[in-house]
Amino acid sequence: RLDMALPDPGLIHPDTGVRPKCRDGLTGEARLARMRRFE
């Protein structure tokens, strides 16, 4: 079996990393395109 569990960048909060709103500069379409490239 091939498992593919993509790491979720949202998992870095609330206790580590930056606040979610700090990432809001990446728009929905830009975020989706970035996620597609990463996948």
PDB file of all heavy atoms in Angstrom:
ATOM      1  N   ARG A   1       0.836  -1.205   0.000  1.00  0.00           N
ATOM      2  CA  ARG A   1       0.000   0.000   0.000  1.00  0.00           C
ATOM      3  C   ARG A   1       0.868   1.250   0.000  1.00  0.00           C
ATOM      4  O   ARG A   1       1.833   1.344   0.753  1.00  0.00           O
ATOM      5  CB  ARG A   1      -0.922   0.012   1.225  1.00  0.00           C
ATOM      6  CG  ARG A   1      -1.893   1.205   1.241  1.00  0.00           C
ATOM      7  CD  ARG A   1      -2.846   1.112   2.425  1.00  0.00           C
ATOM      8  NE  ARG A   1      -2.158   1.330   3.687  1.00  0.00           N
ATOM      9  CZ  ARG A   1      -2.646   0.936   4.863  1.00  0.00           C
ATOM     10  NH1 ARG A   1      -3.778   0.265   4.929  1.00  0.00           N
ATOM     11  NH2 ARG A   1      -1.968   1.177   5.971  1.00  0.00           N
ATOM     12  N   LEU A   2       0.480   2.201  -0.845  1.00  0.00           N
ATOM     13  CA  LEU A   2       1.147   3.497  -0.902  1.00  0.00           C
ATOM     14  C   LEU A   2       0.293   4.515  -0.160  1.00  0.00           C
ATOM     15  O   LEU A   2      -0.825   4.821  -0.572  1.00  0.00           O
ATOM     16  CB  LEU A   2       1.324   3.935  -2.363  1.00  0.00           C
ATOM     17  CG  LEU A   2       1.955   5.309  -2.586  1.00  0.00           C
ATOM     18  CD1 LEU A   2       3.442   5.265  -2.223  1.00  0.00           C
ATOM     19  CD2 LEU A   2       1.788   5.749  -4.033  1.00  0.00           C
ATOM     20  N   ASP A   3       0.795   5.000   0.952  1.00  0.00           N
ATOM     21  CA  ASP A   3       0.103   6.046   1.706  1.00  0.00           C
ATOM     22  C   ASP A   3       0.680   7.402   1.321  1.00  0.00           C
ATOM     23  O   ASP A   3       1.887   7.551   1.172  1.00  0.00           O
ATOM     24  CB  ASP A   3       0.266   5.836   3.211  1.00  0.00           C
ATOM     25  CG  ASP A   3      -0.493   4.626   3.710  1.00  0.00           C
ATOM     26  OD1 ASP A   3      -1.581   4.354   3.168  1.00  0.00           O
ATOM     27  OD2 ASP A   3       0.001   3.955   4.634  1.00  0.00           O
ATOM     28  N   MET A   4      -0.209   8.361   1.182  1.00  0.00           N
ATOM     29  CA  MET A   4       0.247   9.711   0.869  1.00  0.00           C
ATOM     30  C   MET A   4      -0.436  10.671   1.828  1.00  0.00           C
ATOM     31  O   MET A   4      -1.579  11.053   1.640  1.00  0.00           O
ATOM     32  CB  MET A   4      -0.071  10.090  -0.572  1.00  0.00           C
ATOM     33  CG  MET A   4       0.395  11.493  -0.937  1.00  0.00           C
ATOM     34  SD  MET A   4       0.154  11.846  -2.690  1.00  0.00           S
ATOM     35  CE  MET A   4       0.441  13.626  -2.714  1.00  0.00           C
ATOM     36  N   ALA A   5       0.259  10.991   2.906  1.00  0.00           N
ATOM     37  CA  ALA A   5      -0.270  11.913   3.900  1.00  0.00           C
ATOM     38  C   ALA A   5       0.494  13.226   3.794  1.00  0.00           C
ATOM     39  O   ALA A   5       1.637  13.334   4.244  1.00  0.00           O
ATOM     40  CB  ALA A   5      -0.132  11.328   5.296  1.00  0.00           C
ATOM     41  N   LEU A   6      -0.127  14.195   3.162  1.00  0.00           N
ATOM     42  CA  LEU A   6       0.538  15.486   2.973  1.00  0.00           C
ATOM     43  C   LEU A   6       0.600  16.249   4.286  1.00  0.00           C
ATOM     44  O   LEU A   6      -0.398  16.333   5.001  1.00  0.00           O
ATOM     45  CB  LEU A   6      -0.210  16.327   1.939  1.00  0.00           C
ATOM     46  CG  LEU A   6      -0.118  15.846   0.500  1.00  0.00           C
ATOM     47  CD1 LEU A   6      -1.101  16.610  -0.360  1.00  0.00           C
ATOM     48  CD2 LEU A   6       1.284  16.016  -0.038  1.00  0.00           C
ATOM     49  N   PRO A   7       1.760  16.785   4.620  1.00  0.00           N
ATOM     50  CA  PRO A   7       1.838  17.603   5.830  1.00  0.00           C
ATOM     51  C   PRO A   7       0.959  18.835   5.696  1.00  0.00           C
ATOM     52  O   PRO A   7       0.881  19.456   4.641  1.00  0.00           O
ATOM     53  CB  PRO A   7       3.324  17.978   5.913  1.00  0.00           C
ATOM     54  CG  PRO A   7       3.855  17.785   4.530  1.00  0.00           C
ATOM     55  CD  PRO A   7       3.046  16.695   3.903  1.00  0.00           C
ATOM     56  N   ASP A   8       0.270  19.174   6.772  1.00  0.00           N
ATOM     57  CA  ASP A   8      -0.659  20.313   6.783  1.00  0.00           C
ATOM     58  C   ASP A   8       0.020  21.514   7.424  1.00  0.00           C
ATOM     59  O   ASP A   8       0.329  21.481   8.616  1.00  0.00           O
ATOM     60  CB  ASP A   8      -1.915  19.931   7.573  1.00  0.00           C
ATOM     61  CG  ASP A   8      -2.939  21.064   7.621  1.00  0.00           C
ATOM     62  OD1 ASP A   8      -2.680  22.133   7.022  1.00  0.00           O
ATOM     63  OD2 ASP A   8      -3.979  20.873   8.262  1.00  0.00           O
ATOM     64  N   PRO A   9       0.280  22.567   6.642  1.00  0.00           N
ATOM     65  CA  PRO A   9       0.956  23.732   7.229  1.00  0.00           C
ATOM     66  C   PRO A   9       0.138  24.377   8.337  1.00  0.00           C
ATOM     67  O   PRO A   9       0.667  25.096   9.174  1.00  0.00           O
ATOM     68  CB  PRO A   9       1.134  24.689   6.039  1.00  0.00           C
ATOM     69  CG  PRO A   9       0.110  24.253   5.050  1.00  0.00           C
ATOM     70  CD  PRO A   9      -0.044  22.778   5.221  1.00  0.00           C
ATOM     71  N   GLY A  10      -1.192  24.119   8.371  1.00  0.00           N
ATOM     72  CA  GLY A  10      -2.016  24.666   9.441  1.00  0.00           C
ATOM     73  C   GLY A  10      -1.700  24.059  10.794  1.00  0.00           C
ATOM     74  O   GLY A  10      -2.093  24.592  11.826  1.00  0.00           O
ATOM     75  N   LEU A  11      -0.966  22.944  10.808  1.00  0.00           N
ATOM     76  CA  LEU A  11      -0.672  22.280  12.070  1.00  0.00           C
ATOM     77  C   LEU A  11       0.380  23.014  12.894  1.00  0.00           C
ATOM     78  O   LEU A  11       0.654  22.622  14.025  1.00  0.00           O
ATOM     79  CB  LEU A  11      -0.215  20.846  11.807  1.00  0.00           C
ATOM     80  CG  LEU A  11      -1.269  19.901  11.207  1.00  0.00           C
ATOM     81  CD1 LEU A  11      -0.646  18.538  10.922  1.00  0.00           C
ATOM     82  CD2 LEU A  11      -2.451  19.736  12.145  1.00  0.00           C
ATOM     83  N   ILE A  12       0.985  24.048  12.338  1.00  0.00           N
ATOM     84  CA  ILE A  12       2.018  24.745  13.105  1.00  0.00           C
ATOM     85  C   ILE A  12       1.432  25.671  14.171  1.00  0.00           C
ATOM     86  O   ILE A  12       2.162  26.198  14.985  1.00  0.00           O
ATOM     87  CB  ILE A  12       2.955  25.554  12.195  1.00  0.00           C
ATOM     88  CG1 ILE A  12       2.220  26.726  11.523  1.00  0.00           C
ATOM     89  CG2 ILE A  12       3.612  24.671  11.166  1.00  0.00           C
ATOM     90  CD1 ILE A  12       3.164  27.664  10.773  1.00  0.00           C
ATOM     91  N   HIS A  13       0.139  25.919  14.159  1.00  0.00           N
ATOM     92  CA  HIS A  13      -0.449  26.767  15.188  1.00  0.00           C
ATOM     93  C   HIS A  13      -1.408  25.931  16.016  1.00  0.00           C
ATOM     94  O   HIS A  13      -1.790  24.833  15.601  1.00  0.00           O
ATOM     95  CB  HIS A  13      -1.146  27.978  14.542  1.00  0.00           C
ATOM     96  CG  HIS A  13      -2.375  27.608  13.755  1.00  0.00           C
ATOM     97  ND1 HIS A  13      -3.612  27.393  14.336  1.00  0.00           N
ATOM     98  CD2 HIS A  13      -2.561  27.368  12.435  1.00  0.00           C
ATOM     99  CE1 HIS A  13      -4.495  27.062  13.397  1.00  0.00           C
ATOM    100  NE2 HIS A  13      -3.879  27.035  12.240  1.00  0.00           N
ATOM    101  N   PRO A  14      -1.829  26.304  17.229  1.00  0.00           N
ATOM    102  CA  PRO A  14      -1.664  27.626  17.815  1.00  0.00           C
ATOM    103  C   PRO A  14      -0.421  27.794  18.683  1.00  0.00           C
ATOM    104  O   PRO A  14      -0.085  28.915  19.078  1.00  0.00           O
ATOM    105  CB  PRO A  14      -2.920  27.746  18.685  1.00  0.00           C
ATOM    106  CG  PRO A  14      -3.154  26.349  19.153  1.00  0.00           C
ATOM    107  CD  PRO A  14      -2.772  25.475  17.997  1.00  0.00           C
ATOM    108  N   ASP A  15       0.250  26.693  19.031  1.00  0.00           N
ATOM    109  CA  ASP A  15       1.292  26.802  20.047  1.00  0.00           C
ATOM    110  C   ASP A  15       2.682  27.008  19.489  1.00  0.00           C
ATOM    111  O   ASP A  15       3.610  27.306  20.233  1.00  0.00           O
ATOM    112  CB  ASP A  15       1.279  25.541  20.928  1.00  0.00           C
ATOM    113  CG  ASP A  15      -0.044  25.390  21.668  1.00  0.00           C
ATOM    114  OD1 ASP A  15      -0.551  26.414  22.143  1.00  0.00           O
ATOM    115  OD2 ASP A  15      -0.548  24.261  21.749  1.00  0.00           O
ATOM    116  N   THR A  16       2.816  26.796  18.191  1.00  0.00           N
ATOM    117  CA  THR A  16       4.115  27.031  17.558  1.00  0.00           C
ATOM    118  C   THR A  16       3.891  27.821  16.284  1.00  0.00           C
ATOM    119  O   THR A  16       2.786  27.910  15.770  1.00  0.00           O
ATOM    120  CB  THR A  16       4.816  25.708  17.202  1.00  0.00           C
ATOM    121  OG1 THR A  16       4.003  24.979  16.287  1.00  0.00           O
ATOM    122  CG2 THR A  16       5.047  24.862  18.446  1.00  0.00           C
ATOM    123  N   GLY A  17       4.956  28.368  15.758  1.00  0.00           N
ATOM    124  CA  GLY A  17       4.841  29.062  14.484  1.00  0.00           C
ATOM    125  C   GLY A  17       4.105  30.392  14.610  1.00  0.00           C
ATOM    126  O   GLY A  17       3.969  30.979  15.681  1.00  0.00           O
ATOM    127  N   VAL A  18       3.600  30.851  13.476  1.00  0.00           N
ATOM    128  CA  VAL A  18       2.962  32.167  13.417  1.00  0.00           C
ATOM    129  C   VAL A  18       1.458  32.035  13.556  1.00  0.00           C
ATOM    130  O   VAL A  18       0.898  30.953  13.458  1.00  0.00           O
ATOM    131  CB  VAL A  18       3.302  32.882  12.093  1.00  0.00           C
ATOM    132  CG1 VAL A  18       4.790  33.071  11.958  1.00  0.00           C
ATOM    133  CG2 VAL A  18       2.781  32.091  10.901  1.00  0.00           C
ATOM    134  N   ARG A  19       0.804  33.170  13.799  1.00  0.00           N
ATOM    135  CA  ARG A  19      -0.657  33.177  13.850  1.00  0.00           C
ATOM    136  C   ARG A  19      -1.220  32.963  12.452  1.00  0.00           C
ATOM    137  O   ARG A  19      -0.625  33.392  11.464  1.00  0.00           O
ATOM    138  CB  ARG A  19      -1.140  34.514  14.400  1.00  0.00           C
ATOM    139  CG  ARG A  19      -0.768  34.728  15.870  1.00  0.00           C
ATOM    140  CD  ARG A  19      -1.126  36.125  16.304  1.00  0.00           C
ATOM    141  NE  ARG A  19      -0.347  37.111  15.541  1.00  0.00           N
ATOM    142  CZ  ARG A  19      -0.619  38.405  15.520  1.00  0.00           C
ATOM    143  NH1 ARG A  19      -1.662  38.880  16.157  1.00  0.00           N
ATOM    144  NH2 ARG A  19       0.144  39.222  14.824  1.00  0.00           N
ATOM    145  N   PRO A  20      -2.389  32.291  12.340  1.00  0.00           N
ATOM    146  CA  PRO A  20      -2.967  32.031  11.007  1.00  0.00           C
ATOM    147  C   PRO A  20      -3.125  33.285  10.172  1.00  0.00           C
ATOM    148  O   PRO A  20      -2.900  33.253   8.960  1.00  0.00           O
ATOM    149  CB  PRO A  20      -4.321  31.410  11.340  1.00  0.00           C
ATOM    150  CG  PRO A  20      -4.132  30.783  12.676  1.00  0.00           C
ATOM    151  CD  PRO A  20      -3.178  31.692  13.413  1.00  0.00           C
ATOM    152  N   LYS A  21      -3.504  34.398  10.791  1.00  0.00           N
ATOM    153  CA  LYS A  21      -3.760  35.605   9.997  1.00  0.00           C
ATOM    154  C   LYS A  21      -2.489  36.156   9.363  1.00  0.00           C
ATOM    155  O   LYS A  21      -2.558  36.931   8.408  1.00  0.00           O
ATOM    156  CB  LYS A  21      -4.438  36.677  10.831  1.00  0.00           C
ATOM    157  CG  LYS A  21      -3.565  37.362  11.859  1.00  0.00           C
ATOM    158  CD  LYS A  21      -4.350  38.502  12.515  1.00  0.00           C
ATOM    159  CE  LYS A  21      -3.472  39.319  13.450  1.00  0.00           C
ATOM    160  NZ  LYS A  21      -4.234  40.448  14.043  1.00  0.00           N
ATOM    161  N   CYS A  22      -1.322  35.738   9.865  1.00  0.00           N
ATOM    162  CA  CYS A  22      -0.080  36.197   9.271  1.00  0.00           C
ATOM    163  C   CYS A  22       0.130  35.612   7.875  1.00  0.00           C
ATOM    164  O   CYS A  22       0.938  36.109   7.104  1.00  0.00           O
ATOM    165  CB  CYS A  22       1.112  35.838  10.158  1.00  0.00           C
ATOM    166  SG  CYS A  22       1.125  36.671  11.761  1.00  0.00           S
ATOM    167  N   ARG A  23      -0.613  34.541   7.573  1.00  0.00           N
ATOM    168  CA  ARG A  23      -0.482  33.923   6.264  1.00  0.00           C
ATOM    169  C   ARG A  23      -1.528  34.428   5.279  1.00  0.00           C
ATOM    170  O   ARG A  23      -1.606  33.942   4.146  1.00  0.00           O
ATOM    171  CB  ARG A  23      -0.601  32.397   6.388  1.00  0.00           C
ATOM    172  CG  ARG A  23       0.478  31.768   7.240  1.00  0.00           C
ATOM    173  CD  ARG A  23       0.480  30.254   7.102  1.00  0.00           C
ATOM    174  NE  ARG A  23      -0.782  29.657   7.528  1.00  0.00           N
ATOM    175  CZ  ARG A  23      -1.048  29.280   8.779  1.00  0.00           C
ATOM    176  NH1 ARG A  23      -0.146  29.472   9.719  1.00  0.00           N
ATOM    177  NH2 ARG A  23      -2.201  28.746   9.081  1.00  0.00           N
ATOM    178  N   ASP A  24      -2.340  35.369   5.700  1.00  0.00           N
ATOM    179  CA  ASP A  24      -3.443  35.811   4.848  1.00  0.00           C
ATOM    180  C   ASP A  24      -2.981  36.569   3.609  1.00  0.00           C
ATOM    181  O   ASP A  24      -3.769  36.808   2.703  1.00  0.00           O
ATOM    182  CB  ASP A  24      -4.416  36.687   5.646  1.00  0.00           C
ATOM    183  CG  ASP A  24      -5.235  35.865   6.637  1.00  0.00           C
ATOM    184  OD1 ASP A  24      -5.210  34.629   6.502  1.00  0.00           O
ATOM    185  OD2 ASP A  24      -5.867  36.447   7.533  1.00  0.00           O
ATOM    186  N   GLY A  25      -1.708  36.954   3.555  1.00  0.00           N
ATOM    187  CA  GLY A  25      -1.216  37.648   2.381  1.00  0.00           C
ATOM    188  C   GLY A  25      -1.192  36.770   1.145  1.00  0.00           C
ATOM    189  O   GLY A  25      -1.138  37.275   0.018  1.00  0.00           O
ATOM    190  N   LEU A  26      -1.224  35.470   1.345  1.00  0.00           N
ATOM    191  CA  LEU A  26      -1.279  34.550   0.213  1.00  0.00           C
ATOM    192  C   LEU A  26      -2.746  34.321  -0.126  1.00  0.00           C
ATOM    193  O   LEU A  26      -3.492  33.733   0.649  1.00  0.00           O
ATOM    194  CB  LEU A  26      -0.608  33.221   0.583  1.00  0.00           C
ATOM    195  CG  LEU A  26      -0.241  32.277  -0.560  1.00  0.00           C
ATOM    196  CD1 LEU A  26       0.767  32.935  -1.491  1.00  0.00           C
ATOM    197  CD2 LEU A  26       0.340  30.978  -0.004  1.00  0.00           C
ATOM    198  N   THR A  27      -3.165  34.822  -1.269  1.00  0.00           N
ATOM    199  CA  THR A  27      -4.574  34.759  -1.640  1.00  0.00           C
ATOM    200  C   THR A  27      -5.017  33.328  -1.890  1.00  0.00           C
ATOM    201  O   THR A  27      -4.201  32.417  -2.024  1.00  0.00           O
ATOM    202  CB  THR A  27      -4.835  35.577  -2.914  1.00  0.00           C
ATOM    203  OG1 THR A  27      -4.156  34.943  -4.014  1.00  0.00           O
ATOM    204  CG2 THR A  27      -4.348  37.004  -2.761  1.00  0.00           C
ATOM    205  N   GLY A  28      -6.319  33.134  -1.991  1.00  0.00           N
ATOM    206  CA  GLY A  28      -6.865  31.800  -2.207  1.00  0.00           C
ATOM    207  C   GLY A  28      -6.308  31.124  -3.434  1.00  0.00           C
ATOM    208  O   GLY A  28      -5.869  29.967  -3.374  1.00  0.00           O
ATOM    209  N   GLU A  29      -6.294  31.819  -4.573  1.00  0.00           N
ATOM    210  CA  GLU A  29      -5.790  31.215  -5.806  1.00  0.00           C
ATOM    211  C   GLU A  29      -4.295  30.968  -5.736  1.00  0.00           C
ATOM    212  O   GLU A  29      -3.809  29.930  -6.187  1.00  0.00           O
ATOM    213  CB  GLU A  29      -6.126  32.124  -7.001  1.00  0.00           C
ATOM    214  CG  GLU A  29      -7.608  32.142  -7.364  1.00  0.00           C
ATOM    215  CD  GLU A  29      -7.852  32.913  -8.647  1.00  0.00           C
ATOM    216  OE1 GLU A  29      -6.860  33.358  -9.265  1.00  0.00           O
ATOM    217  OE2 GLU A  29      -9.029  33.064  -9.018  1.00  0.00           O
ATOM    218  N   ALA A  30      -3.567  31.903  -5.168  1.00  0.00           N
ATOM    219  CA  ALA A  30      -2.120  31.733  -5.045  1.00  0.00           C
ATOM    220  C   ALA A  30      -1.795  30.580  -4.101  1.00  0.00           C
ATOM    221  O   ALA A  30      -0.877  29.798  -4.340  1.00  0.00           O
ATOM    222  CB  ALA A  30      -1.476  33.020  -4.557  1.00  0.00           C
ATOM    223  N   ARG A  31      -2.556  30.479  -3.013  1.00  0.00           N
ATOM    224  CA  ARG A  31      -2.341  29.394  -2.062  1.00  0.00           C
ATOM    225  C   ARG A  31      -2.622  28.046  -2.712  1.00  0.00           C
ATOM    226  O   ARG A  31      -1.881  27.081  -2.516  1.00  0.00           O
ATOM    227  CB  ARG A  31      -3.244  29.594  -0.838  1.00  0.00           C
ATOM    228  CG  ARG A  31      -3.024  28.579   0.270  1.00  0.00           C
ATOM    229  CD  ARG A  31      -3.959  28.840   1.428  1.00  0.00           C
ATOM    230  NE  ARG A  31      -3.770  30.175   1.961  1.00  0.00           N
ATOM    231  CZ  ARG A  31      -4.626  30.786   2.780  1.00  0.00           C
ATOM    232  NH1 ARG A  31      -5.748  30.183   3.118  1.00  0.00           N
ATOM    233  NH2 ARG A  31      -4.376  31.997   3.239  1.00  0.00           N
ATOM    234  N   LEU A  32      -3.690  27.981  -3.513  1.00  0.00           N
ATOM    235  CA  LEU A  32      -4.039  26.738  -4.186  1.00  0.00           C
ATOM    236  C   LEU A  32      -2.954  26.333  -5.178  1.00  0.00           C
ATOM    237  O   LEU A  32      -2.553  25.167  -5.236  1.00  0.00           O
ATOM    238  CB  LEU A  32      -5.380  26.896  -4.904  1.00  0.00           C
ATOM    239  CG  LEU A  32      -5.903  25.649  -5.633  1.00  0.00           C
ATOM    240  CD1 LEU A  32      -6.167  24.521  -4.643  1.00  0.00           C
ATOM    241  CD2 LEU A  32      -7.170  25.992  -6.414  1.00  0.00           C
ATOM    242  N   ALA A  33      -2.468  27.309  -5.947  1.00  0.00           N
ATOM    243  CA  ALA A  33      -1.425  27.018  -6.924  1.00  0.00           C
ATOM    244  C   ALA A  33      -0.152  26.531  -6.234  1.00  0.00           C
ATOM    245  O   ALA A  33       0.508  25.598  -6.707  1.00  0.00           O
ATOM    246  CB  ALA A  33      -1.127  28.261  -7.758  1.00  0.00           C
ATOM    247  N   ARG A  34       0.177  27.166  -5.114  1.00  0.00           N
ATOM    248  CA  ARG A  34       1.365  26.758  -4.352  1.00  0.00           C
ATOM    249  C   ARG A  34       1.198  25.330  -3.822  1.00  0.00           C
ATOM    250  O   ARG A  34       2.129  24.520  -3.863  1.00  0.00           O
ATOM    251  CB  ARG A  34       1.574  27.736  -3.196  1.00  0.00           C
ATOM    252  CG  ARG A  34       2.813  27.473  -2.348  1.00  0.00           C
ATOM    253  CD  ARG A  34       4.091  27.856  -3.072  1.00  0.00           C
ATOM    254  NE  ARG A  34       5.253  27.613  -2.263  1.00  0.00           N
ATOM    255  CZ  ARG A  34       5.759  28.490  -1.381  1.00  0.00           C
ATOM    256  NH1 ARG A  34       5.177  29.673  -1.214  1.00  0.00           N
ATOM    257  NH2 ARG A  34       6.830  28.202  -0.695  1.00  0.00           N
ATOM    258  N   MET A  35       0.000  25.024  -3.327  1.00  0.00           N
ATOM    259  CA  MET A  35      -0.274  23.690  -2.808  1.00  0.00           C
ATOM    260  C   MET A  35      -0.175  22.644  -3.912  1.00  0.00           C
ATOM    261  O   MET A  35       0.367  21.558  -3.711  1.00  0.00           O
ATOM    262  CB  MET A  35      -1.654  23.639  -2.162  1.00  0.00           C
ATOM    263  CG  MET A  35      -1.995  22.295  -1.524  1.00  0.00           C
ATOM    264  SD  MET A  35      -3.567  22.320  -0.631  1.00  0.00           S
ATOM    265  CE  MET A  35      -4.710  22.441  -2.019  1.00  0.00           C
ATOM    266  N   ARG A  36      -0.682  22.993  -5.111  1.00  0.00           N
ATOM    267  CA  ARG A  36      -0.612  22.056  -6.235  1.00  0.00           C
ATOM    268  C   ARG A  36       0.838  21.754  -6.605  1.00  0.00           C
ATOM    269  O   ARG A  36       1.195  20.601  -6.859  1.00  0.00           O
ATOM    270  CB  ARG A  36      -1.347  22.630  -7.452  1.00  0.00           C
ATOM    271  CG  ARG A  36      -2.832  22.880  -7.297  1.00  0.00           C
ATOM    272  CD  ARG A  36      -3.559  21.670  -6.792  1.00  0.00           C
ATOM    273  NE  ARG A  36      -4.996  21.830  -6.861  1.00  0.00           N
ATOM    274  CZ  ARG A  36      -5.840  21.341  -5.975  1.00  0.00           C
ATOM    275  NH1 ARG A  36      -5.394  20.662  -4.944  1.00  0.00           N
ATOM    276  NH2 ARG A  36      -7.145  21.495  -6.120  1.00  0.00           N
ATOM    277  N   ARG A  37       1.664  22.772  -6.645  1.00  0.00           N
ATOM    278  CA  ARG A  37       3.080  22.552  -6.974  1.00  0.00           C
ATOM    279  C   ARG A  37       3.751  21.662  -5.928  1.00  0.00           C
ATOM    280  O   ARG A  37       4.531  20.776  -6.253  1.00  0.00           O
ATOM    281  CB  ARG A  37       3.826  23.883  -7.082  1.00  0.00           C
ATOM    282  CG  ARG A  37       3.425  24.741  -8.269  1.00  0.00           C
ATOM    283  CD  ARG A  37       4.449  25.825  -8.536  1.00  0.00           C
ATOM    284  NE  ARG A  37       4.632  26.713  -7.408  1.00  0.00           N
ATOM    285  CZ  ARG A  37       3.893  27.809  -7.184  1.00  0.00           C
ATOM    286  NH1 ARG A  37       2.917  28.134  -8.028  1.00  0.00           N
ATOM    287  NH2 ARG A  37       4.136  28.573  -6.143  1.00  0.00           N
ATOM    288  N   PHE A  38       3.414  21.921  -4.668  1.00  0.00           N
ATOM    289  CA  PHE A  38       3.986  21.129  -3.591  1.00  0.00           C
ATOM    290  C   PHE A  38       3.529  19.680  -3.684  1.00  0.00           C
ATOM    291  O   PHE A  38       4.328  18.743  -3.506  1.00  0.00           O
ATOM    292  CB  PHE A  38       3.577  21.711  -2.235  1.00  0.00           C
ATOM    293  CG  PHE A  38       3.975  20.841  -1.071  1.00  0.00           C
ATOM    294  CD1 PHE A  38       5.296  20.766  -0.670  1.00  0.00           C
ATOM    295  CD2 PHE A  38       3.026  20.100  -0.393  1.00  0.00           C
ATOM    296  CE1 PHE A  38       5.665  19.955   0.392  1.00  0.00           C
ATOM    297  CE2 PHE A  38       3.385  19.292   0.666  1.00  0.00           C
ATOM    298  CZ  PHE A  38       4.714  19.219   1.069  1.00  0.00           C
ATOM    299  N   GLU A  39       2.256  19.445  -3.968  1.00  0.00           N
ATOM    300  CA  GLU A  39       1.736  18.081  -4.060  1.00  0.00           C
ATOM    301  C   GLU A  39       2.417  17.312  -5.191  1.00  0.00           C
ATOM    302  O   GLU A  39       2.733  16.125  -5.035  1.00  0.00           O
ATOM    303  CB  GLU A  39       0.216  18.088  -4.259  1.00  0.00           C
ATOM    304  CG  GLU A  39      -0.552  18.471  -3.009  1.00  0.00           C
ATOM    305  CD  GLU A  39      -2.048  18.257  -3.157  1.00  0.00           C
ATOM    306  OE1 GLU A  39      -2.487  17.749  -4.206  1.00  0.00           O
ATOM    307  OE2 GLU A  39      -2.785  18.607  -2.227  1.00  0.00           O
TER     308      GLU A  39
END
